[in-house]
Amino acid sequence: MIREPAEVTIDAAGNVQIPLGVLVEAGIDTNSAVLAYSDGDGRVVLRRAADAIQDLLDGNGL
């Protein structure tokens, strides 16, 4: 279930602060290693690195 989106701003250095509620809902802890990649026009995906690596080891894509 997708909750209310949170608007964030990308600063001049390309940094974004993601609200804690969004991270908690996604099951991502602070200081977690994540992979970021483009998933099409206007979409950026963050995945827990451990999940992405396991998917690759299992022969699945990101």
PDB file of N, CA and C in Angstrom:
ATOM      1  N   MET A   1       0.844  -1.174   0.000  1.00  0.00           N
ATOM      2  CA  MET A   1       0.000   0.000   0.000  1.00  0.00           C
ATOM      3  C   MET A   1       0.895   1.245   0.000  1.00  0.00           C
ATOM      4  N   ILE A   2       0.613   2.167  -0.878  1.00  0.00           N
ATOM      5  CA  ILE A   2       1.386   3.400  -0.954  1.00  0.00           C
ATOM      6  C   ILE A   2       0.693   4.461  -0.120  1.00  0.00           C
ATOM      7  N   ARG A   3       1.435   5.068   0.754  1.00  0.00           N
ATOM      8  CA  ARG A   3       0.906   6.120   1.615  1.00  0.00           C
ATOM      9  C   ARG A   3       1.027   7.475   0.924  1.00  0.00           C
ATOM     10  N   GLU A   4       0.726   8.501   1.652  1.00  0.00           N
ATOM     11  CA  GLU A   4       0.813   9.871   1.159  1.00  0.00           C
ATOM     12  C   GLU A   4       2.243  10.171   0.735  1.00  0.00           C
ATOM     13  N   PRO A   5       2.456  10.658  -0.478  1.00  0.00           N
ATOM     14  CA  PRO A   5       3.817  10.991  -0.907  1.00  0.00           C
ATOM     15  C   PRO A   5       4.341  12.213  -0.160  1.00  0.00           C
ATOM     16  N   ALA A   6       5.641  12.296  -0.054  1.00  0.00           N
ATOM     17  CA  ALA A   6       6.296  13.442   0.574  1.00  0.00           C
ATOM     18  C   ALA A   6       7.101  14.167  -0.487  1.00  0.00           C
ATOM     19  N   GLU A   7       6.923  15.466  -0.571  1.00  0.00           N
ATOM     20  CA  GLU A   7       7.689  16.253  -1.529  1.00  0.00           C
ATOM     21  C   GLU A   7       9.057  16.564  -0.946  1.00  0.00           C
ATOM     22  N   VAL A   8      10.090  16.305  -1.719  1.00  0.00           N
ATOM     23  CA  VAL A   8      11.463  16.600  -1.309  1.00  0.00           C
ATOM     24  C   VAL A   8      12.116  17.424  -2.411  1.00  0.00           C
ATOM     25  N   THR A   9      13.216  18.070  -2.063  1.00  0.00           N
ATOM     26  CA  THR A   9      13.938  18.901  -3.023  1.00  0.00           C
ATOM     27  C   THR A   9      15.353  18.379  -3.180  1.00  0.00           C
ATOM     28  N   ILE A  10      15.828  18.372  -4.398  1.00  0.00           N
ATOM     29  CA  ILE A  10      17.214  17.981  -4.689  1.00  0.00           C
ATOM     30  C   ILE A  10      18.054  19.241  -4.609  1.00  0.00           C
ATOM     31  N   ASP A  11      19.091  19.235  -3.749  1.00  0.00           N
ATOM     32  CA  ASP A  11      19.919  20.440  -3.614  1.00  0.00           C
ATOM     33  C   ASP A  11      20.966  20.501  -4.721  1.00  0.00           C
ATOM     34  N   ALA A  12      21.747  21.560  -4.722  1.00  0.00           N
ATOM     35  CA  ALA A  12      22.723  21.806  -5.785  1.00  0.00           C
ATOM     36  C   ALA A  12      23.771  20.702  -5.895  1.00  0.00           C
ATOM     37  N   ALA A  13      24.019  19.988  -4.792  1.00  0.00           N
ATOM     38  CA  ALA A  13      24.992  18.896  -4.797  1.00  0.00           C
ATOM     39  C   ALA A  13      24.350  17.570  -5.202  1.00  0.00           C
ATOM     40  N   GLY A  14      23.032  17.575  -5.459  1.00  0.00           N
ATOM     41  CA  GLY A  14      22.342  16.347  -5.841  1.00  0.00           C
ATOM     42  C   GLY A  14      21.849  15.532  -4.659  1.00  0.00           C
ATOM     43  N   ASN A  15      21.875  16.109  -3.470  1.00  0.00           N
ATOM     44  CA  ASN A  15      21.447  15.402  -2.264  1.00  0.00           C
ATOM     45  C   ASN A  15      19.960  15.589  -2.009  1.00  0.00           C
ATOM     46  N   VAL A  16      19.351  14.547  -1.458  1.00  0.00           N
ATOM     47  CA  VAL A  16      17.936  14.567  -1.100  1.00  0.00           C
ATOM     48  C   VAL A  16      17.806  14.033   0.312  1.00  0.00           C
ATOM     49  N   GLN A  17      16.994  14.687   1.136  1.00  0.00           N
ATOM     50  CA  GLN A  17      16.687  14.144   2.455  1.00  0.00           C
ATOM     51  C   GLN A  17      15.341  13.436   2.364  1.00  0.00           C
ATOM     52  N   ILE A  18      15.358  12.146   2.660  1.00  0.00           N
ATOM     53  CA  ILE A  18      14.138  11.344   2.585  1.00  0.00           C
ATOM     54  C   ILE A  18      13.509  11.308   3.975  1.00  0.00           C
ATOM     55  N   PRO A  19      12.240  11.661   4.081  1.00  0.00           N
ATOM     56  CA  PRO A  19      11.585  11.660   5.394  1.00  0.00           C
ATOM     57  C   PRO A  19      11.643  10.273   6.051  1.00  0.00           C
ATOM     58  N   LEU A  20      11.824  10.264   7.375  1.00  0.00           N
ATOM     59  CA  LEU A  20      11.930   8.999   8.111  1.00  0.00           C
ATOM     60  C   LEU A  20      10.704   8.117   7.911  1.00  0.00           C
ATOM     61  N   GLY A  21       9.525   8.710   7.838  1.00  0.00           N
ATOM     62  CA  GLY A  21       8.310   7.921   7.647  1.00  0.00           C
ATOM     63  C   GLY A  21       8.343   7.131   6.355  1.00  0.00           C
ATOM     64  N   VAL A  22       8.888   7.722   5.305  1.00  0.00           N
ATOM     65  CA  VAL A  22       9.000   7.027   4.017  1.00  0.00           C
ATOM     66  C   VAL A  22       9.987   5.874   4.137  1.00  0.00           C
ATOM     67  N   LEU A  23      11.114   6.122   4.815  1.00  0.00           N
ATOM     68  CA  LEU A  23      12.104   5.055   4.999  1.00  0.00           C
ATOM     69  C   LEU A  23      11.536   3.903   5.820  1.00  0.00           C
ATOM     70  N   VAL A  24      10.850   4.230   6.899  1.00  0.00           N
ATOM     71  CA  VAL A  24      10.263   3.197   7.755  1.00  0.00           C
ATOM     72  C   VAL A  24       9.262   2.367   6.964  1.00  0.00           C
ATOM     73  N   GLU A  25       8.412   3.040   6.197  1.00  0.00           N
ATOM     74  CA  GLU A  25       7.407   2.331   5.400  1.00  0.00           C
ATOM     75  C   GLU A  25       8.055   1.400   4.391  1.00  0.00           C
ATOM     76  N   ALA A  26       9.230   1.795   3.866  1.00  0.00           N
ATOM     77  CA  ALA A  26       9.938   0.980   2.883  1.00  0.00           C
ATOM     78  C   ALA A  26      10.816  -0.085   3.538  1.00  0.00           C
ATOM     79  N   GLY A  27      10.922  -0.053   4.858  1.00  0.00           N
ATOM     80  CA  GLY A  27      11.755  -1.031   5.555  1.00  0.00           C
ATOM     81  C   GLY A  27      13.239  -0.744   5.429  1.00  0.00           C
ATOM     82  N   ILE A  28      13.588   0.527   5.265  1.00  0.00           N
ATOM     83  CA  ILE A  28      14.988   0.929   5.139  1.00  0.00           C
ATOM     84  C   ILE A  28      15.383   1.693   6.396  1.00  0.00           C
ATOM     85  N   ASP A  29      16.430   1.223   7.067  1.00  0.00           N
ATOM     86  CA  ASP A  29      16.935   1.890   8.266  1.00  0.00           C
ATOM     87  C   ASP A  29      17.886   3.011   7.891  1.00  0.00           C
ATOM     88  N   THR A  30      18.024   3.986   8.793  1.00  0.00           N
ATOM     89  CA  THR A  30      19.033   5.015   8.578  1.00  0.00           C
ATOM     90  C   THR A  30      20.404   4.344   8.567  1.00  0.00           C
ATOM     91  N   ASN A  31      21.319   4.889   7.837  1.00  0.00           N
ATOM     92  CA  ASN A  31      22.683   4.362   7.660  1.00  0.00           C
ATOM     93  C   ASN A  31      22.712   3.031   6.911  1.00  0.00           C
ATOM     94  N   SER A  32      21.616   2.647   6.256  1.00  0.00           N
ATOM     95  CA  SER A  32      21.589   1.425   5.457  1.00  0.00           C
ATOM     96  C   SER A  32      22.281   1.660   4.123  1.00  0.00           C
ATOM     97  N   ALA A  33      22.906   0.613   3.609  1.00  0.00           N
ATOM     98  CA  ALA A  33      23.470   0.672   2.260  1.00  0.00           C
ATOM     99  C   ALA A  33      22.331   0.428   1.277  1.00  0.00           C
ATOM    100  N   VAL A  34      22.170   1.336   0.320  1.00  0.00           N
ATOM    101  CA  VAL A  34      21.145   1.190  -0.702  1.00  0.00           C
ATOM    102  C   VAL A  34      21.761   1.404  -2.074  1.00  0.00           C
ATOM    103  N   LEU A  35      21.117   0.831  -3.076  1.00  0.00           N
ATOM    104  CA  LEU A  35      21.487   1.093  -4.461  1.00  0.00           C
ATOM    105  C   LEU A  35      20.456   2.044  -5.031  1.00  0.00           C
ATOM    106  N   ALA A  36      20.906   2.995  -5.829  1.00  0.00           N
ATOM    107  CA  ALA A  36      20.001   3.925  -6.502  1.00  0.00           C
ATOM    108  C   ALA A  36      20.175   3.744  -8.000  1.00  0.00           C
ATOM    109  N   TYR A  37      19.049   3.649  -8.720  1.00  0.00           N
ATOM    110  CA  TYR A  37      19.137   3.542 -10.169  1.00  0.00           C
ATOM    111  C   TYR A  37      17.877   4.137 -10.789  1.00  0.00           C
ATOM    112  N   SER A  38      18.010   4.510 -12.055  1.00  0.00           N
ATOM    113  CA  SER A  38      16.894   5.062 -12.808  1.00  0.00           C
ATOM    114  C   SER A  38      15.985   3.931 -13.256  1.00  0.00           C
ATOM    115  N   ASP A  39      14.698   4.158 -13.143  1.00  0.00           N
ATOM    116  CA  ASP A  39      13.703   3.180 -13.591  1.00  0.00           C
ATOM    117  C   ASP A  39      12.767   3.833 -14.603  1.00  0.00           C
ATOM    118  N   GLY A  40      13.349   4.619 -15.471  1.00  0.00           N
ATOM    119  CA  GLY A  40      12.561   5.277 -16.496  1.00  0.00           C
ATOM    120  C   GLY A  40      12.502   6.772 -16.288  1.00  0.00           C
ATOM    121  N   ASP A  41      11.781   7.413 -17.151  1.00  0.00           N
ATOM    122  CA  ASP A  41      11.679   8.858 -17.166  1.00  0.00           C
ATOM    123  C   ASP A  41      11.073   9.385 -15.869  1.00  0.00           C
ATOM    124  N   GLY A  42      11.877  10.115 -15.108  1.00  0.00           N
ATOM    125  CA  GLY A  42      11.376  10.755 -13.903  1.00  0.00           C
ATOM    126  C   GLY A  42      11.261   9.860 -12.688  1.00  0.00           C
ATOM    127  N   ARG A  43      11.831   8.655 -12.741  1.00  0.00           N
ATOM    128  CA  ARG A  43      11.704   7.743 -11.612  1.00  0.00           C
ATOM    129  C   ARG A  43      13.080   7.267 -11.170  1.00  0.00           C
ATOM    130  N   VAL A  44      13.348   7.389  -9.862  1.00  0.00           N
ATOM    131  CA  VAL A  44      14.578   6.884  -9.257  1.00  0.00           C
ATOM    132  C   VAL A  44      14.169   5.882  -8.185  1.00  0.00           C
ATOM    133  N   VAL A  45      14.813   4.732  -8.180  1.00  0.00           N
ATOM    134  CA  VAL A  45      14.493   3.662  -7.233  1.00  0.00           C
ATOM    135  C   VAL A  45      15.640   3.504  -6.255  1.00  0.00           C
ATOM    136  N   LEU A  46      15.305   3.333  -4.989  1.00  0.00           N
ATOM    137  CA  LEU A  46      16.286   2.964  -3.961  1.00  0.00           C
ATOM    138  C   LEU A  46      15.955   1.547  -3.515  1.00  0.00           C
ATOM    139  N   ARG A  47      16.977   0.698  -3.445  1.00  0.00           N
ATOM    140  CA  ARG A  47      16.797  -0.677  -2.953  1.00  0.00           C
ATOM    141  C   ARG A  47      17.840  -0.975  -1.907  1.00  0.00           C
ATOM    142  N   ARG A  48      17.441  -1.724  -0.889  1.00  0.00           N
ATOM    143  CA  ARG A  48      18.442  -2.190   0.071  1.00  0.00           C
ATOM    144  C   ARG A  48      19.474  -2.978  -0.706  1.00  0.00           C
ATOM    145  N   ALA A  49      20.739  -2.688  -0.476  1.00  0.00           N
ATOM    146  CA  ALA A  49      21.818  -3.342  -1.223  1.00  0.00           C
ATOM    147  C   ALA A  49      21.763  -4.859  -1.047  1.00  0.00           C
ATOM    148  N   ALA A  50      21.504  -5.325   0.158  1.00  0.00           N
ATOM    149  CA  ALA A  50      21.461  -6.768   0.416  1.00  0.00           C
ATOM    150  C   ALA A  50      20.367  -7.443  -0.410  1.00  0.00           C
ATOM    151  N   ASP A  51      19.206  -6.796  -0.538  1.00  0.00           N
ATOM    152  CA  ASP A  51      18.112  -7.355  -1.341  1.00  0.00           C
ATOM    153  C   ASP A  51      18.489  -7.424  -2.809  1.00  0.00           C
ATOM    154  N   ALA A  52      19.086  -6.350  -3.313  1.00  0.00           N
ATOM    155  CA  ALA A  52      19.476  -6.301  -4.721  1.00  0.00           C
ATOM    156  C   ALA A  52      20.534  -7.359  -5.028  1.00  0.00           C
ATOM    157  N   ILE A  53      21.507  -7.517  -4.140  1.00  0.00           N
ATOM    158  CA  ILE A  53      22.563  -8.513  -4.342  1.00  0.00           C
ATOM    159  C   ILE A  53      21.975  -9.918  -4.329  1.00  0.00           C
ATOM    160  N   GLN A  54      21.062 -10.180  -3.389  1.00  0.00           N
ATOM    161  CA  GLN A  54      20.436 -11.502  -3.328  1.00  0.00           C
ATOM    162  C   GLN A  54      19.640 -11.793  -4.595  1.00  0.00           C
ATOM    163  N   ASP A  55      18.929 -10.785  -5.111  1.00  0.00           N
ATOM    164  CA  ASP A  55      18.190 -10.978  -6.361  1.00  0.00           C
ATOM    165  C   ASP A  55      19.141 -11.329  -7.504  1.00  0.00           C
ATOM    166  N   LEU A  56      20.265 -10.646  -7.584  1.00  0.00           N
ATOM    167  CA  LEU A  56      21.236 -10.936  -8.634  1.00  0.00           C
ATOM    168  C   LEU A  56      21.811 -12.329  -8.495  1.00  0.00           C
ATOM    169  N   LEU A  57      22.110 -12.739  -7.249  1.00  0.00           N
ATOM    170  CA  LEU A  57      22.633 -14.091  -7.013  1.00  0.00           C
ATOM    171  C   LEU A  57      21.606 -15.154  -7.386  1.00  0.00           C
ATOM    172  N   ASP A  58      20.333 -14.847  -7.210  1.00  0.00           N
ATOM    173  CA  ASP A  58      19.249 -15.776  -7.538  1.00  0.00           C
ATOM    174  C   ASP A  58      18.915 -15.766  -9.032  1.00  0.00           C
ATOM    175  N   GLY A  59      19.608 -14.936  -9.792  1.00  0.00           N
ATOM    176  CA  GLY A  59      19.379 -14.870 -11.235  1.00  0.00           C
ATOM    177  C   GLY A  59      18.259 -13.938 -11.642  1.00  0.00           C
ATOM    178  N   ASN A  60      17.806 -13.107 -10.705  1.00  0.00           N
ATOM    179  CA  ASN A  60      16.751 -12.139 -11.001  1.00  0.00           C
ATOM    180  C   ASN A  60      17.390 -10.784 -11.285  1.00  0.00           C
ATOM    181  N   GLY A  61      16.677  -9.916 -11.929  1.00  0.00           N
ATOM    182  CA  GLY A  61      17.161  -8.557 -12.140  1.00  0.00           C
ATOM    183  C   GLY A  61      16.984  -7.715 -10.891  1.00  0.00           C
ATOM    184  N   LEU A  62      17.430  -6.469 -11.000  1.00  0.00           N
ATOM    185  CA  LEU A  62      17.260  -5.560  -9.864  1.00  0.00           C
ATOM    186  C   LEU A  62      15.779  -5.331  -9.618  1.00  0.00           C
TER     187      LEU A  62
END
